[in-house]
N, C-alpha and C. Protein backbone atom coordinates (compact mmCIF):
# COMPACT_ATOMS: atom_id res chain seq x y z
N CYS A 1 0.91 -1.17 0.00
CA CYS A 1 0.16 0.09 0.01
C CYS A 1 1.03 1.30 0.06
N LYS A 2 0.80 2.22 -1.02
CA LYS A 2 1.32 3.17 -0.97
C LYS A 2 1.02 4.47 -0.38
N GLU A 3 -0.23 4.33 0.36
CA GLU A 3 -0.89 5.43 1.07
C GLU A 3 -0.21 5.37 2.61
N ALA A 4 -0.43 6.55 3.11
CA ALA A 4 0.25 6.78 4.63
C ALA A 4 -0.71 5.96 5.47
N PHE A 5 0.00 5.69 6.40
CA PHE A 5 -0.88 5.02 7.93
C PHE A 5 -2.25 5.74 8.29
N THR A 6 -3.21 5.29 8.46
CA THR A 6 -4.21 6.01 9.04
C THR A 6 -3.81 6.19 10.67
N GLU A 7 -4.60 7.25 11.47
CA GLU A 7 -4.40 7.40 12.87
C GLU A 7 -4.59 5.96 13.32
N ASP A 8 -5.60 5.21 13.21
CA ASP A 8 -5.96 3.99 13.68
C ASP A 8 -4.61 3.17 13.44
N GLU A 9 -4.27 2.86 12.12
CA GLU A 9 -3.22 2.12 12.11
C GLU A 9 -2.00 2.46 12.77
N LYS A 10 -1.53 3.93 13.06
CA LYS A 10 -0.56 4.23 13.93
C LYS A 10 -0.76 3.71 15.05
N ARG A 11 -1.87 4.22 15.89
CA ARG A 11 -2.02 3.52 16.88
C ARG A 11 -1.97 2.02 17.36
N TYR A 12 -2.45 1.43 16.47
CA TYR A 12 -2.38 -0.14 16.33
C TYR A 12 -0.94 -0.43 16.40
N ILE A 13 -0.09 0.07 15.76
CA ILE A 13 1.36 -0.63 15.64
C ILE A 13 2.04 -0.19 16.93
N ILE A 14 1.70 1.11 17.39
CA ILE A 14 2.49 1.57 18.63
C ILE A 14 1.94 0.70 19.78
N GLU A 15 0.58 0.39 19.95
CA GLU A 15 0.11 -0.57 21.13
C GLU A 15 0.28 -1.92 20.89
N LYS A 16 0.12 -2.54 19.80
CA LYS A 16 0.56 -4.00 19.43
C LYS A 16 1.83 -4.59 19.16
N THR A 17 2.79 -3.80 18.64
CA THR A 17 4.20 -4.39 18.29
C THR A 17 4.77 -5.02 19.41
N PRO A 18 4.51 -4.55 20.91
CA PRO A 18 5.22 -5.47 21.73
C PRO A 18 4.49 -6.76 21.85
N ASN A 19 3.27 -7.05 21.76
CA ASN A 19 2.85 -8.15 21.65
C ASN A 19 3.35 -9.41 20.70
N TYR A 20 3.96 -8.78 19.54
CA TYR A 20 4.60 -9.58 18.34
C TYR A 20 6.22 -9.73 18.62
N ARG A 21 6.61 -9.59 19.94
CA ARG A 21 8.11 -9.58 20.23
C ARG A 21 8.24 -11.08 20.76
N LYS A 22 9.18 -11.84 20.34
CA LYS A 22 9.42 -13.00 20.36
C LYS A 22 11.13 -13.25 20.72
N SER A 23 11.54 -13.67 21.77
CA SER A 23 13.02 -13.75 21.68
C SER A 23 13.86 -12.29 21.26
N ASN A 24 13.21 -11.26 21.71
CA ASN A 24 13.92 -9.92 21.52
C ASN A 24 13.94 -9.53 19.98
N LYS A 25 13.18 -10.39 19.16
CA LYS A 25 12.81 -9.94 17.70
C LYS A 25 11.34 -9.67 17.64
N ILE A 26 11.05 -8.96 16.64
CA ILE A 26 9.48 -8.67 16.30
C ILE A 26 9.18 -8.98 14.96
N SER A 27 7.87 -9.99 15.04
CA SER A 27 7.53 -10.49 13.84
C SER A 27 6.72 -9.44 13.13
N TRP A 28 7.36 -8.92 12.18
CA TRP A 28 6.89 -7.62 11.46
C TRP A 28 5.81 -8.37 10.35
N LYS A 29 6.30 -9.48 9.78
CA LYS A 29 5.17 -10.30 9.00
C LYS A 29 4.08 -10.85 9.59
N GLY A 30 3.99 -11.24 10.93
CA GLY A 30 2.68 -11.36 11.96
C GLY A 30 1.89 -10.05 11.80
N LEU A 31 2.58 -9.00 12.38
CA LEU A 31 1.82 -7.62 12.55
C LEU A 31 1.37 -7.19 11.41
N SER A 32 1.95 -7.28 10.26
CA SER A 32 1.40 -6.84 8.93
C SER A 32 0.39 -7.69 8.26
N SER A 33 0.18 -8.83 8.74
CA SER A 33 -0.82 -10.03 8.07
C SER A 33 -1.97 -9.43 8.99
N ASP A 34 -1.88 -9.39 10.47
CA ASP A 34 -3.04 -8.90 11.29
C ASP A 34 -3.59 -7.70 10.86
N MET A 35 -2.83 -6.62 10.37
CA MET A 35 -3.25 -5.30 10.21
C MET A 35 -3.92 -5.59 9.17
N LYS A 36 -3.53 -6.48 7.79
CA LYS A 36 -4.51 -6.53 6.69
C LYS A 36 -5.84 -7.16 6.86
N LYS A 37 -5.71 -7.90 7.96
CA LYS A 37 -7.14 -8.64 8.45
C LYS A 37 -8.14 -7.49 9.20
N ILE A 38 -7.37 -6.75 9.90
CA ILE A 38 -8.22 -5.54 10.84
C ILE A 38 -8.67 -4.47 9.81
N PHE A 39 -7.87 -3.84 9.01
CA PHE A 39 -7.75 -2.80 8.43
C PHE A 39 -7.89 -2.87 7.01
N ASN A 40 -7.99 -4.06 6.20
CA ASN A 40 -8.29 -4.37 4.91
C ASN A 40 -7.09 -3.60 4.20
N ARG A 41 -6.03 -3.48 4.55
CA ARG A 41 -5.01 -2.69 3.74
C ARG A 41 -3.68 -3.15 4.08
N ARG A 42 -2.92 -3.42 3.03
CA ARG A 42 -1.55 -4.09 3.17
C ARG A 42 -0.57 -3.26 3.14
N HIS A 43 0.10 -3.02 4.02
CA HIS A 43 1.45 -2.15 4.23
C HIS A 43 2.68 -3.23 4.46
N SER A 44 3.61 -2.79 3.60
CA SER A 44 4.87 -3.71 3.72
C SER A 44 5.34 -3.92 5.27
N ASN A 45 6.07 -4.93 5.32
CA ASN A 45 6.89 -5.24 6.65
C ASN A 45 7.95 -4.02 6.90
N ASN A 46 8.63 -3.53 6.12
CA ASN A 46 9.71 -2.52 6.06
C ASN A 46 8.87 -1.33 6.29
N LYS A 47 8.06 -0.90 5.97
CA LYS A 47 7.17 0.31 5.98
C LYS A 47 6.81 0.49 7.63
N ILE A 48 6.23 -1.02 8.09
CA ILE A 48 5.69 -1.01 9.24
C ILE A 48 6.79 -0.84 10.50
N LYS A 49 7.85 -1.65 10.21
CA LYS A 49 9.31 -1.45 10.94
C LYS A 49 9.87 -0.09 11.14
N ASN A 50 9.87 0.73 9.86
CA ASN A 50 10.39 1.93 9.89
C ASN A 50 9.37 3.06 10.68
N TYR A 51 8.15 2.93 10.62
CA TYR A 51 7.21 3.85 11.40
C TYR A 51 7.67 3.62 12.91
N TRP A 52 7.77 2.25 13.18
CA TRP A 52 7.83 1.94 14.49
C TRP A 52 9.21 2.21 15.25
N ASN A 53 10.30 2.38 14.18
CA ASN A 53 11.56 2.59 14.79
C ASN A 53 11.71 3.97 14.90
N ALA A 54 11.13 4.71 13.79
CA ALA A 54 11.03 6.11 13.89
C ALA A 54 10.48 6.93 15.19
N ASN A 55 9.30 6.03 15.53
CA ASN A 55 8.32 6.51 16.79
C ASN A 55 8.96 6.15 17.92
N GLN A 56 9.85 5.08 18.03
CA GLN A 56 10.61 4.87 19.07
C GLN A 56 11.99 5.69 19.33
N ARG A 57 12.40 6.54 18.16
CA ARG A 57 13.42 7.44 18.22
C ARG A 57 12.88 8.66 18.77
N ARG A 58 11.73 9.07 18.26
CA ARG A 58 10.88 10.37 18.79
C ARG A 58 10.73 10.41 20.20
N GLN A 59 10.19 9.32 20.72
CA GLN A 59 9.79 9.19 22.13
C GLN A 59 11.10 9.14 22.91
N LYS A 60 12.05 8.31 22.65
CA LYS A 60 13.40 8.46 23.44
C LYS A 60 14.11 9.94 23.49
N LYS A 61 13.69 10.63 22.29
CA LYS A 61 14.45 12.01 22.13
C LYS A 61 13.42 12.95 22.73
N LYS A 62 12.33 12.68 23.14
CA LYS A 62 11.29 13.67 23.76
C LYS A 62 11.57 13.26 25.21
N ASN A 63 11.88 11.95 25.40
CA ASN A 63 11.85 11.67 26.95
C ASN A 63 13.26 12.19 27.55
N SER A 64 14.31 12.32 26.69
CA SER A 64 15.56 12.67 27.10
C SER A 64 15.51 14.14 27.33
N LYS A 65 15.01 14.90 26.28
CA LYS A 65 14.82 16.43 26.48
C LYS A 65 13.95 16.67 27.84
N LEU A 66 13.29 15.79 28.32
CA LEU A 66 12.42 16.03 29.54
C LEU A 66 13.06 16.03 30.91
N THR A 67 13.97 14.74 30.89
CA THR A 67 14.61 14.33 31.99
C THR A 67 15.79 14.95 32.39
N VAL A 68 16.50 15.51 31.60
CA VAL A 68 17.83 16.25 31.86
C VAL A 68 17.56 17.46 32.77
N PRO A 69 16.89 18.37 32.40
CA PRO A 69 16.48 19.38 33.65
C PRO A 69 16.10 19.04 34.90
N PHE A 70 15.02 18.12 34.96
CA PHE A 70 14.20 17.40 35.99
C PHE A 70 15.41 16.90 36.84
N LEU A 71 16.50 16.17 36.52
CA LEU A 71 17.43 15.42 37.26
C LEU A 71 18.22 16.57 37.89
N LEU A 72 18.79 17.62 37.50
CA LEU A 72 19.66 18.86 37.79
C LEU A 72 18.69 19.38 39.06
N ASN A 73 17.38 19.85 38.45
CA ASN A 73 16.77 20.58 39.66
C ASN A 73 16.54 19.67 40.95
N ASP A 74 16.25 18.24 40.58
CA ASP A 74 15.84 17.53 41.82
C ASP A 74 17.19 17.32 42.54
N GLU A 75 18.40 16.99 42.20
CA GLU A 75 19.64 16.85 42.88
C GLU A 75 20.02 18.15 43.78
N ASN A 76 19.69 19.21 43.03
CA ASN A 76 19.95 20.72 43.96
C ASN A 76 18.99 20.81 44.92
N GLU A 77 17.69 20.61 44.75
CA GLU A 77 16.64 20.92 45.67
C GLU A 77 17.15 19.60 47.07
N ALA A 78 17.42 18.58 46.68
CA ALA A 78 17.77 17.29 47.55
C ALA A 78 18.78 18.02 48.55
N ASN A 79 19.70 18.60 48.07
CA ASN A 79 20.92 19.48 48.70
C ASN A 79 20.42 20.81 49.42
N GLY A 80 19.15 21.14 49.37
CA GLY A 80 18.75 22.28 49.77
C GLY A 80 19.22 23.65 49.18
N GLU A 81 19.86 23.40 47.76
CA GLU A 81 20.29 24.42 47.16
C GLU A 81 19.45 24.84 45.95
N LYS A 82 19.51 26.10 45.63
CA LYS A 82 18.83 26.61 44.70
C LYS A 82 19.78 27.29 43.68
N LYS A 83 20.12 26.53 42.43
CA LYS A 83 21.16 26.99 41.81
C LYS A 83 20.60 27.64 40.29
N SER A 84 21.05 28.95 40.12
CA SER A 84 20.75 29.55 38.82
C SER A 84 21.71 29.34 37.82
N SER A 85 21.26 29.68 36.63
CA SER A 85 22.09 29.36 35.47
C SER A 85 23.37 30.13 35.54
N ALA A 86 23.50 31.06 36.03
CA ALA A 86 24.46 31.98 36.38
C ALA A 86 25.50 31.15 37.32
N SER A 87 25.20 30.44 37.94
CA SER A 87 26.37 29.56 38.98
C SER A 87 27.03 28.46 38.37
N ILE A 88 26.51 28.34 36.95
CA ILE A 88 27.01 27.06 36.40
C ILE A 88 28.57 27.47 35.84
N LYS A 89 29.51 26.76 35.84
CA LYS A 89 30.74 27.10 35.50
C LYS A 89 30.80 27.14 34.07
N ASN A 90 31.79 27.65 33.39
CA ASN A 90 32.07 27.51 31.84
C ASN A 90 32.12 26.08 31.35
N ASP A 91 32.66 25.29 32.24
CA ASP A 91 32.67 23.92 31.77
C ASP A 91 31.69 23.03 31.84
N GLY A 92 30.53 23.60 32.28
CA GLY A 92 29.17 23.06 32.53
C GLY A 92 29.16 22.28 34.05
N ARG A 93 30.06 22.35 34.65
CA ARG A 93 29.72 22.02 36.00
C ARG A 93 29.10 22.95 37.02
N ILE A 94 28.24 22.46 37.65
CA ILE A 94 27.52 22.99 39.00
C ILE A 94 28.65 23.19 40.07
N PRO A 95 28.90 24.21 40.50
CA PRO A 95 29.73 24.24 41.85
C PRO A 95 29.26 23.78 43.09
């Protein structure tokens, strides 16, 4: 199928792909076959895999952007300190 994924297909890939994982490998063929039965549209195994991997990278990048500032704030607050960005040394270390 040359068409883009529908929102329902995207949601299905994100939610159901972990169910197709066996021995740390994902059965893209099984997922593709089941999607054909459910949505009556055939997408290649590679197209599904590319969507899944791109989504995983986006999620990882999104989570890493959120985590770093919170970790710095939690560490400083746990020590009873309030650090401003002005107190960060040029080498990136907090005094």
